[in-house]
Amino acid sequence: MEYDNNEMSDCSSNSEYSSFTTNKEEEVTLKKIAELKKKITELENTSIIKKEKKNKQEKNYQIEATCQILQKESLLITNQLIKVNQPL
């Protein structure tokens, strides 16, 4: 089978174009992957921050509850002391 020069140069040109297209597609794909990795990192960071805020809130609620219990106990003790110290 014989090819004339035009057909050969077309094949070579097509191969170069195909390679260029493949490289371009690869660049686009790699860029998209990098963008997605960046978004994943941002979402992970946001998730970590939200968890930390939630944990901090829960600690604050526990501290508030403990303070309320201590205040009630303190009030009860104070009332008992007042009763004990009252003259009969």
PDB file of N, CA and C in Angstrom:
ATOM      1  N   MET A   1       0.853  -1.163   0.000  1.00  0.00           N
ATOM      2  CA  MET A   1       0.000   0.000   0.000  1.00  0.00           C
ATOM      3  C   MET A   1       0.898   1.223   0.000  1.00  0.00           C
ATOM      4  N   GLU A   2       0.594   2.137  -0.883  1.00  0.00           N
ATOM      5  CA  GLU A   2       1.418   3.332  -0.985  1.00  0.00           C
ATOM      6  C   GLU A   2       0.631   4.545  -0.529  1.00  0.00           C
ATOM      7  N   TYR A   3       1.328   5.447   0.145  1.00  0.00           N
ATOM      8  CA  TYR A   3       0.729   6.712   0.567  1.00  0.00           C
ATOM      9  C   TYR A   3       1.448   7.815  -0.156  1.00  0.00           C
ATOM     10  N   ASP A   4       0.692   8.788  -0.610  1.00  0.00           N
ATOM     11  CA  ASP A   4       1.411   9.929  -1.165  1.00  0.00           C
ATOM     12  C   ASP A   4       1.821  10.842  -0.018  1.00  0.00           C
ATOM     13  N   ASN A   5       2.657  11.792  -0.281  1.00  0.00           N
ATOM     14  CA  ASN A   5       3.215  12.662   0.756  1.00  0.00           C
ATOM     15  C   ASN A   5       2.143  13.441   1.507  1.00  0.00           C
ATOM     16  N   ASN A   6       1.089  13.838   0.819  1.00  0.00           N
ATOM     17  CA  ASN A   6       0.029  14.594   1.480  1.00  0.00           C
ATOM     18  C   ASN A   6      -0.660  13.757   2.559  1.00  0.00           C
ATOM     19  N   GLU A   7      -0.916  12.488   2.234  1.00  0.00           N
ATOM     20  CA  GLU A   7      -1.566  11.625   3.211  1.00  0.00           C
ATOM     21  C   GLU A   7      -0.672  11.400   4.420  1.00  0.00           C
ATOM     22  N   MET A   8       0.623  11.231   4.181  1.00  0.00           N
ATOM     23  CA  MET A   8       1.562  11.012   5.281  1.00  0.00           C
ATOM     24  C   MET A   8       1.627  12.246   6.180  1.00  0.00           C
ATOM     25  N   SER A   9       1.677  13.420   5.549  1.00  0.00           N
ATOM     26  CA  SER A   9       1.764  14.621   6.372  1.00  0.00           C
ATOM     27  C   SER A   9       0.462  14.826   7.136  1.00  0.00           C
ATOM     28  N   ASP A  10      -0.673  14.431   6.556  1.00  0.00           N
ATOM     29  CA  ASP A  10      -1.947  14.519   7.271  1.00  0.00           C
ATOM     30  C   ASP A  10      -1.936  13.617   8.504  1.00  0.00           C
ATOM     31  N   CYS A  11      -1.405  12.414   8.348  1.00  0.00           N
ATOM     32  CA  CYS A  11      -1.341  11.488   9.483  1.00  0.00           C
ATOM     33  C   CYS A  11      -0.454  12.062  10.575  1.00  0.00           C
ATOM     34  N   SER A  12       0.668  12.593  10.174  1.00  0.00           N
ATOM     35  CA  SER A  12       1.587  13.180  11.144  1.00  0.00           C
ATOM     36  C   SER A  12       0.926  14.363  11.832  1.00  0.00           C
ATOM     37  N   SER A  13       0.246  15.183  11.074  1.00  0.00           N
ATOM     38  CA  SER A  13      -0.435  16.346  11.618  1.00  0.00           C
ATOM     39  C   SER A  13      -1.541  15.911  12.574  1.00  0.00           C
ATOM     40  N   ASN A  14      -2.295  14.893  12.193  1.00  0.00           N
ATOM     41  CA  ASN A  14      -3.361  14.385  13.057  1.00  0.00           C
ATOM     42  C   ASN A  14      -2.796  13.849  14.365  1.00  0.00           C
ATOM     43  N   SER A  15      -1.671  13.173  14.270  1.00  0.00           N
ATOM     44  CA  SER A  15      -1.040  12.628  15.467  1.00  0.00           C
ATOM     45  C   SER A  15      -0.597  13.756  16.393  1.00  0.00           C
ATOM     46  N   GLU A  16      -0.014  14.793  15.812  1.00  0.00           N
ATOM     47  CA  GLU A  16       0.413  15.943  16.612  1.00  0.00           C
ATOM     48  C   GLU A  16      -0.798  16.637  17.232  1.00  0.00           C
ATOM     49  N   TYR A  17      -1.867  16.788  16.457  1.00  0.00           N
ATOM     50  CA  TYR A  17      -3.078  17.427  16.960  1.00  0.00           C
ATOM     51  C   TYR A  17      -3.670  16.589  18.091  1.00  0.00           C
ATOM     52  N   SER A  18      -3.698  15.281  17.872  1.00  0.00           N
ATOM     53  CA  SER A  18      -4.238  14.389  18.890  1.00  0.00           C
ATOM     54  C   SER A  18      -3.418  14.485  20.171  1.00  0.00           C
ATOM     55  N   SER A  19      -2.111  14.537  20.030  1.00  0.00           N
ATOM     56  CA  SER A  19      -1.233  14.657  21.191  1.00  0.00           C
ATOM     57  C   SER A  19      -1.461  15.993  21.885  1.00  0.00           C
ATOM     58  N   PHE A  20      -1.602  17.055  21.095  1.00  0.00           N
ATOM     59  CA  PHE A  20      -1.856  18.382  21.663  1.00  0.00           C
ATOM     60  C   PHE A  20      -3.182  18.386  22.411  1.00  0.00           C
ATOM     61  N   THR A  21      -4.201  17.792  21.788  1.00  0.00           N
ATOM     62  CA  THR A  21      -5.517  17.728  22.413  1.00  0.00           C
ATOM     63  C   THR A  21      -5.443  16.931  23.708  1.00  0.00           C
ATOM     64  N   THR A  22      -4.745  15.820  23.671  1.00  0.00           N
ATOM     65  CA  THR A  22      -4.603  14.989  24.861  1.00  0.00           C
ATOM     66  C   THR A  22      -3.885  15.759  25.961  1.00  0.00           C
ATOM     67  N   ASN A  23      -2.824  16.469  25.608  1.00  0.00           N
ATOM     68  CA  ASN A  23      -2.099  17.269  26.599  1.00  0.00           C
ATOM     69  C   ASN A  23      -2.991  18.363  27.166  1.00  0.00           C
ATOM     70  N   LYS A  24      -3.747  19.001  26.289  1.00  0.00           N
ATOM     71  CA  LYS A  24      -4.645  20.071  26.721  1.00  0.00           C
ATOM     72  C   LYS A  24      -5.715  19.502  27.650  1.00  0.00           C
ATOM     73  N   GLU A  25      -6.292  18.361  27.262  1.00  0.00           N
ATOM     74  CA  GLU A  25      -7.304  17.716  28.101  1.00  0.00           C
ATOM     75  C   GLU A  25      -6.714  17.328  29.452  1.00  0.00           C
ATOM     76  N   GLU A  26      -5.479  16.839  29.423  1.00  0.00           N
ATOM     77  CA  GLU A  26      -4.813  16.450  30.670  1.00  0.00           C
ATOM     78  C   GLU A  26      -4.607  17.672  31.566  1.00  0.00           C
ATOM     79  N   GLU A  27      -4.188  18.787  30.968  1.00  0.00           N
ATOM     80  CA  GLU A  27      -4.006  20.022  31.740  1.00  0.00           C
ATOM     81  C   GLU A  27      -5.327  20.466  32.370  1.00  0.00           C
ATOM     82  N   VAL A  28      -6.389  20.429  31.575  1.00  0.00           N
ATOM     83  CA  VAL A  28      -7.706  20.833  32.073  1.00  0.00           C
ATOM     84  C   VAL A  28      -8.140  19.904  33.209  1.00  0.00           C
ATOM     85  N   THR A  29      -7.945  18.613  33.015  1.00  0.00           N
ATOM     86  CA  THR A  29      -8.317  17.638  34.046  1.00  0.00           C
ATOM     87  C   THR A  29      -7.513  17.863  35.320  1.00  0.00           C
ATOM     88  N   LEU A  30      -6.203  18.068  35.174  1.00  0.00           N
ATOM     89  CA  LEU A  30      -5.355  18.309  36.348  1.00  0.00           C
ATOM     90  C   LEU A  30      -5.760  19.589  37.070  1.00  0.00           C
ATOM     91  N   LYS A  31      -6.131  20.604  36.291  1.00  0.00           N
ATOM     92  CA  LYS A  31      -6.574  21.858  36.897  1.00  0.00           C
ATOM     93  C   LYS A  31      -7.869  21.638  37.683  1.00  0.00           C
ATOM     94  N   LYS A  32      -8.800  20.880  37.097  1.00  0.00           N
ATOM     95  CA  LYS A  32     -10.062  20.588  37.787  1.00  0.00           C
ATOM     96  C   LYS A  32      -9.807  19.792  39.064  1.00  0.00           C
ATOM     97  N   ILE A  33      -8.890  18.829  38.992  1.00  0.00           N
ATOM     98  CA  ILE A  33      -8.552  18.028  40.172  1.00  0.00           C
ATOM     99  C   ILE A  33      -7.988  18.922  41.262  1.00  0.00           C
ATOM    100  N   ALA A  34      -7.096  19.838  40.889  1.00  0.00           N
ATOM    101  CA  ALA A  34      -6.506  20.759  41.871  1.00  0.00           C
ATOM    102  C   ALA A  34      -7.586  21.625  42.514  1.00  0.00           C
ATOM    103  N   GLU A  35      -8.524  22.114  41.705  1.00  0.00           N
ATOM    104  CA  GLU A  35      -9.618  22.936  42.238  1.00  0.00           C
ATOM    105  C   GLU A  35     -10.493  22.130  43.201  1.00  0.00           C
ATOM    106  N   LEU A  36     -10.785  20.887  42.831  1.00  0.00           N
ATOM    107  CA  LEU A  36     -11.610  20.035  43.695  1.00  0.00           C
ATOM    108  C   LEU A  36     -10.892  19.722  45.005  1.00  0.00           C
ATOM    109  N   LYS A  37      -9.581  19.470  44.927  1.00  0.00           N
ATOM    110  CA  LYS A  37      -8.806  19.222  46.151  1.00  0.00           C
ATOM    111  C   LYS A  37      -8.848  20.439  47.059  1.00  0.00           C
ATOM    112  N   LYS A  38      -8.751  21.628  46.448  1.00  0.00           N
ATOM    113  CA  LYS A  38      -8.801  22.864  47.228  1.00  0.00           C
ATOM    114  C   LYS A  38     -10.164  23.001  47.911  1.00  0.00           C
ATOM    115  N   LYS A  39     -11.239  22.716  47.169  1.00  0.00           N
ATOM    116  CA  LYS A  39     -12.589  22.801  47.745  1.00  0.00           C
ATOM    117  C   LYS A  39     -12.763  21.790  48.878  1.00  0.00           C
ATOM    118  N   ILE A  40     -12.229  20.584  48.689  1.00  0.00           N
ATOM    119  CA  ILE A  40     -12.319  19.557  49.732  1.00  0.00           C
ATOM    120  C   ILE A  40     -11.613  20.037  50.991  1.00  0.00           C
ATOM    121  N   THR A  41     -10.427  20.603  50.825  1.00  0.00           N
ATOM    122  CA  THR A  41      -9.675  21.117  51.971  1.00  0.00           C
ATOM    123  C   THR A  41     -10.460  22.208  52.683  1.00  0.00           C
ATOM    124  N   GLU A  42     -11.058  23.116  51.912  1.00  0.00           N
ATOM    125  CA  GLU A  42     -11.854  24.192  52.510  1.00  0.00           C
ATOM    126  C   GLU A  42     -13.039  23.618  53.288  1.00  0.00           C
ATOM    127  N   LEU A  43     -13.708  22.622  52.713  1.00  0.00           N
ATOM    128  CA  LEU A  43     -14.848  22.003  53.396  1.00  0.00           C
ATOM    129  C   LEU A  43     -14.408  21.276  54.664  1.00  0.00           C
ATOM    130  N   GLU A  44     -13.262  20.602  54.588  1.00  0.00           N
ATOM    131  CA  GLU A  44     -12.746  19.925  55.785  1.00  0.00           C
ATOM    132  C   GLU A  44     -12.437  20.939  56.875  1.00  0.00           C
ATOM    133  N   ASN A  45     -11.803  22.052  56.482  1.00  0.00           N
ATOM    134  CA  ASN A  45     -11.482  23.096  57.459  1.00  0.00           C
ATOM    135  C   ASN A  45     -12.752  23.675  58.072  1.00  0.00           C
ATOM    136  N   THR A  46     -13.756  23.911  57.233  1.00  0.00           N
ATOM    137  CA  THR A  46     -15.030  24.431  57.723  1.00  0.00           C
ATOM    138  C   THR A  46     -15.660  23.444  58.695  1.00  0.00           C
ATOM    139  N   SER A  47     -15.600  22.166  58.351  1.00  0.00           N
ATOM    140  CA  SER A  47     -16.163  21.129  59.214  1.00  0.00           C
ATOM    141  C   SER A  47     -15.441  21.090  60.556  1.00  0.00           C
ATOM    142  N   ILE A  48     -14.123  21.201  60.534  1.00  0.00           N
ATOM    143  CA  ILE A  48     -13.335  21.200  61.775  1.00  0.00           C
ATOM    144  C   ILE A  48     -13.708  22.399  62.633  1.00  0.00           C
ATOM    145  N   ILE A  49     -13.829  23.559  62.004  1.00  0.00           N
ATOM    146  CA  ILE A  49     -14.187  24.780  62.741  1.00  0.00           C
ATOM    147  C   ILE A  49     -15.566  24.624  63.373  1.00  0.00           C
ATOM    148  N   LYS A  50     -16.517  24.076  62.607  1.00  0.00           N
ATOM    149  CA  LYS A  50     -17.874  23.880  63.138  1.00  0.00           C
ATOM    150  C   LYS A  50     -17.855  22.918  64.322  1.00  0.00           C
ATOM    151  N   LYS A  51     -17.083  21.839  64.217  1.00  0.00           N
ATOM    152  CA  LYS A  51     -16.993  20.879  65.320  1.00  0.00           C
ATOM    153  C   LYS A  51     -16.396  21.541  66.556  1.00  0.00           C
ATOM    154  N   GLU A  52     -15.345  22.349  66.343  1.00  0.00           N
ATOM    155  CA  GLU A  52     -14.714  23.032  67.473  1.00  0.00           C
ATOM    156  C   GLU A  52     -15.691  24.000  68.139  1.00  0.00           C
ATOM    157  N   LYS A  53     -16.459  24.731  67.325  1.00  0.00           N
ATOM    158  CA  LYS A  53     -17.452  25.654  67.882  1.00  0.00           C
ATOM    159  C   LYS A  53     -18.515  24.891  68.663  1.00  0.00           C
ATOM    160  N   LYS A  54     -18.956  23.762  68.102  1.00  0.00           N
ATOM    161  CA  LYS A  54     -19.980  22.954  68.767  1.00  0.00           C
ATOM    162  C   LYS A  54     -19.449  22.435  70.104  1.00  0.00           C
ATOM    163  N   ASN A  55     -18.221  21.936  70.097  1.00  0.00           N
ATOM    164  CA  ASN A  55     -17.624  21.435  71.340  1.00  0.00           C
ATOM    165  C   ASN A  55     -17.488  22.549  72.370  1.00  0.00           C
ATOM    166  N   LYS A  56     -17.094  23.727  71.906  1.00  0.00           N
ATOM    167  CA  LYS A  56     -16.944  24.866  72.810  1.00  0.00           C
ATOM    168  C   LYS A  56     -18.303  25.252  73.397  1.00  0.00           C
ATOM    169  N   GLN A  57     -19.331  25.256  72.550  1.00  0.00           N
ATOM    170  CA  GLN A  57     -20.690  25.569  73.018  1.00  0.00           C
ATOM    171  C   GLN A  57     -21.143  24.562  74.068  1.00  0.00           C
ATOM    172  N   GLU A  58     -20.901  23.287  73.793  1.00  0.00           N
ATOM    173  CA  GLU A  58     -21.297  22.243  74.741  1.00  0.00           C
ATOM    174  C   GLU A  58     -20.569  22.420  76.073  1.00  0.00           C
ATOM    175  N   LYS A  59     -19.280  22.764  76.009  1.00  0.00           N
ATOM    176  CA  LYS A  59     -18.527  23.013  77.244  1.00  0.00           C
ATOM    177  C   LYS A  59     -19.116  24.196  77.997  1.00  0.00           C
ATOM    178  N   ASN A  60     -19.461  25.248  77.258  1.00  0.00           N
ATOM    179  CA  ASN A  60     -20.056  26.427  77.895  1.00  0.00           C
ATOM    180  C   ASN A  60     -21.380  26.079  78.568  1.00  0.00           C
ATOM    181  N   TYR A  61     -22.197  25.245  77.905  1.00  0.00           N
ATOM    182  CA  TYR A  61     -23.466  24.825  78.508  1.00  0.00           C
ATOM    183  C   TYR A  61     -23.211  24.029  79.785  1.00  0.00           C
ATOM    184  N   GLN A  62     -22.218  23.156  79.740  1.00  0.00           N
ATOM    185  CA  GLN A  62     -21.887  22.362  80.924  1.00  0.00           C
ATOM    186  C   GLN A  62     -21.405  23.261  82.058  1.00  0.00           C
ATOM    187  N   ILE A  63     -20.586  24.245  81.720  1.00  0.00           N
ATOM    188  CA  ILE A  63     -20.087  25.178  82.735  1.00  0.00           C
ATOM    189  C   ILE A  63     -21.247  25.969  83.333  1.00  0.00           C
ATOM    190  N   GLU A  64     -22.151  26.449  82.461  1.00  0.00           N
ATOM    191  CA  GLU A  64     -23.322  27.196  82.947  1.00  0.00           C
ATOM    192  C   GLU A  64     -24.184  26.327  83.860  1.00  0.00           C
ATOM    193  N   ALA A  65     -24.404  25.089  83.460  1.00  0.00           N
ATOM    194  CA  ALA A  65     -25.222  24.178  84.273  1.00  0.00           C
ATOM    195  C   ALA A  65     -24.552  23.932  85.623  1.00  0.00           C
ATOM    196  N   THR A  66     -23.253  23.742  85.612  1.00  0.00           N
ATOM    197  CA  THR A  66     -22.514  23.535  86.861  1.00  0.00           C
ATOM    198  C   THR A  66     -22.608  24.769  87.752  1.00  0.00           C
ATOM    199  N   CYS A  67     -22.477  25.942  87.151  1.00  0.00           N
ATOM    200  CA  CYS A  67     -22.588  27.193  87.920  1.00  0.00           C
ATOM    201  C   CYS A  67     -23.969  27.319  88.557  1.00  0.00           C
ATOM    202  N   GLN A  68     -25.000  26.989  87.799  1.00  0.00           N
ATOM    203  CA  GLN A  68     -26.362  27.066  88.341  1.00  0.00           C
ATOM    204  C   GLN A  68     -26.544  26.097  89.507  1.00  0.00           C
ATOM    205  N   ILE A  69     -26.009  24.901  89.365  1.00  0.00           N
ATOM    206  CA  ILE A  69     -26.101  23.920  90.457  1.00  0.00           C
ATOM    207  C   ILE A  69     -25.365  24.438  91.688  1.00  0.00           C
ATOM    208  N   LEU A  70     -24.168  24.982  91.478  1.00  0.00           N
ATOM    209  CA  LEU A  70     -23.391  25.508  92.606  1.00  0.00           C
ATOM    210  C   LEU A  70     -24.095  26.683  93.279  1.00  0.00           C
ATOM    211  N   GLN A  71     -24.722  27.536  92.475  1.00  0.00           N
ATOM    212  CA  GLN A  71     -25.455  28.669  93.050  1.00  0.00           C
ATOM    213  C   GLN A  71     -26.632  28.179  93.892  1.00  0.00           C
ATOM    214  N   LYS A  72     -27.359  27.185  93.398  1.00  0.00           N
ATOM    215  CA  LYS A  72     -28.490  26.636  94.155  1.00  0.00           C
ATOM    216  C   LYS A  72     -28.005  25.993  95.453  1.00  0.00           C
ATOM    217  N   GLU A  73     -26.920  25.222  95.352  1.00  0.00           N
ATOM    218  CA  GLU A  73     -26.378  24.585  96.558  1.00  0.00           C
ATOM    219  C   GLU A  73     -25.893  25.634  97.555  1.00  0.00           C
ATOM    220  N   SER A  74     -25.264  26.668  97.037  1.00  0.00           N
ATOM    221  CA  SER A  74     -24.784  27.748  97.902  1.00  0.00           C
ATOM    222  C   SER A  74     -25.955  28.433  98.604  1.00  0.00           C
ATOM    223  N   LEU A  75     -27.021  28.678  97.863  1.00  0.00           N
ATOM    224  CA  LEU A  75     -28.213  29.297  98.434  1.00  0.00           C
ATOM    225  C   LEU A  75     -28.831  28.403  99.514  1.00  0.00           C
ATOM    226  N   LEU A  76     -28.901  27.108  99.247  1.00  0.00           N
ATOM    227  CA  LEU A  76     -29.435  26.164 100.237  1.00  0.00           C
ATOM    228  C   LEU A  76     -28.583  26.162 101.508  1.00  0.00           C
ATOM    229  N   ILE A  77     -27.279  26.140 101.340  1.00  0.00           N
ATOM    230  CA  ILE A  77     -26.377  26.151 102.499  1.00  0.00           C
ATOM    231  C   ILE A  77     -26.532  27.450 103.278  1.00  0.00           C
ATOM    232  N   THR A  78     -26.620  28.552 102.550  1.00  0.00           N
ATOM    233  CA  THR A  78     -26.800  29.851 103.205  1.00  0.00           C
ATOM    234  C   THR A  78     -28.100  29.858 104.000  1.00  0.00           C
ATOM    235  N   ASN A  79     -29.170  29.364 103.406  1.00  0.00           N
ATOM    236  CA  ASN A  79     -30.465  29.304 104.102  1.00  0.00           C
ATOM    237  C   ASN A  79     -30.390  28.413 105.342  1.00  0.00           C
ATOM    238  N   GLN A  80     -29.690  27.305 105.231  1.00  0.00           N
ATOM    239  CA  GLN A  80     -29.548  26.415 106.386  1.00  0.00           C
ATOM    240  C   GLN A  80     -28.751  27.094 107.498  1.00  0.00           C
ATOM    241  N   LEU A  81     -27.706  27.812 107.116  1.00  0.00           N
ATOM    242  CA  LEU A  81     -26.903  28.529 108.120  1.00  0.00           C
ATOM    243  C   LEU A  81     -27.731  29.608 108.812  1.00  0.00           C
ATOM    244  N   ILE A  82     -28.558  30.276 108.039  1.00  0.00           N
ATOM    245  CA  ILE A  82     -29.412  31.317 108.625  1.00  0.00           C
ATOM    246  C   ILE A  82     -30.365  30.685 109.634  1.00  0.00           C
ATOM    247  N   LYS A  83     -30.947  29.540 109.266  1.00  0.00           N
ATOM    248  CA  LYS A  83     -31.878  28.861 110.177  1.00  0.00           C
ATOM    249  C   LYS A  83     -31.161  28.412 111.451  1.00  0.00           C
ATOM    250  N   VAL A  84     -29.955  27.903 111.304  1.00  0.00           N
ATOM    251  CA  VAL A  84     -29.199  27.421 112.458  1.00  0.00           C
ATOM    252  C   VAL A  84     -28.825  28.580 113.378  1.00  0.00           C
ATOM    253  N   ASN A  85     -28.506  29.702 112.821  1.00  0.00           N
ATOM    254  CA  ASN A  85     -28.056  30.856 113.607  1.00  0.00           C
ATOM    255  C   ASN A  85     -29.201  31.707 114.160  1.00  0.00           C
ATOM    256  N   GLN A  86     -30.415  31.398 113.786  1.00  0.00           N
ATOM    257  CA  GLN A  86     -31.549  32.172 114.331  1.00  0.00           C
ATOM    258  C   GLN A  86     -31.785  31.783 115.795  1.00  0.00           C
ATOM    259  N   PRO A  87     -32.036  32.781 116.621  1.00  0.00           N
ATOM    260  CA  PRO A  87     -32.321  32.447 118.021  1.00  0.00           C
ATOM    261  C   PRO A  87     -33.696  31.796 118.147  1.00  0.00           C
ATOM    262  N   LEU A  88     -33.798  30.924 119.077  1.00  0.00           N
ATOM    263  CA  LEU A  88     -35.062  30.220 119.304  1.00  0.00           C
ATOM    264  C   LEU A  88     -36.029  31.019 120.066  1.00  0.00           C
TER     265      LEU A  88
END
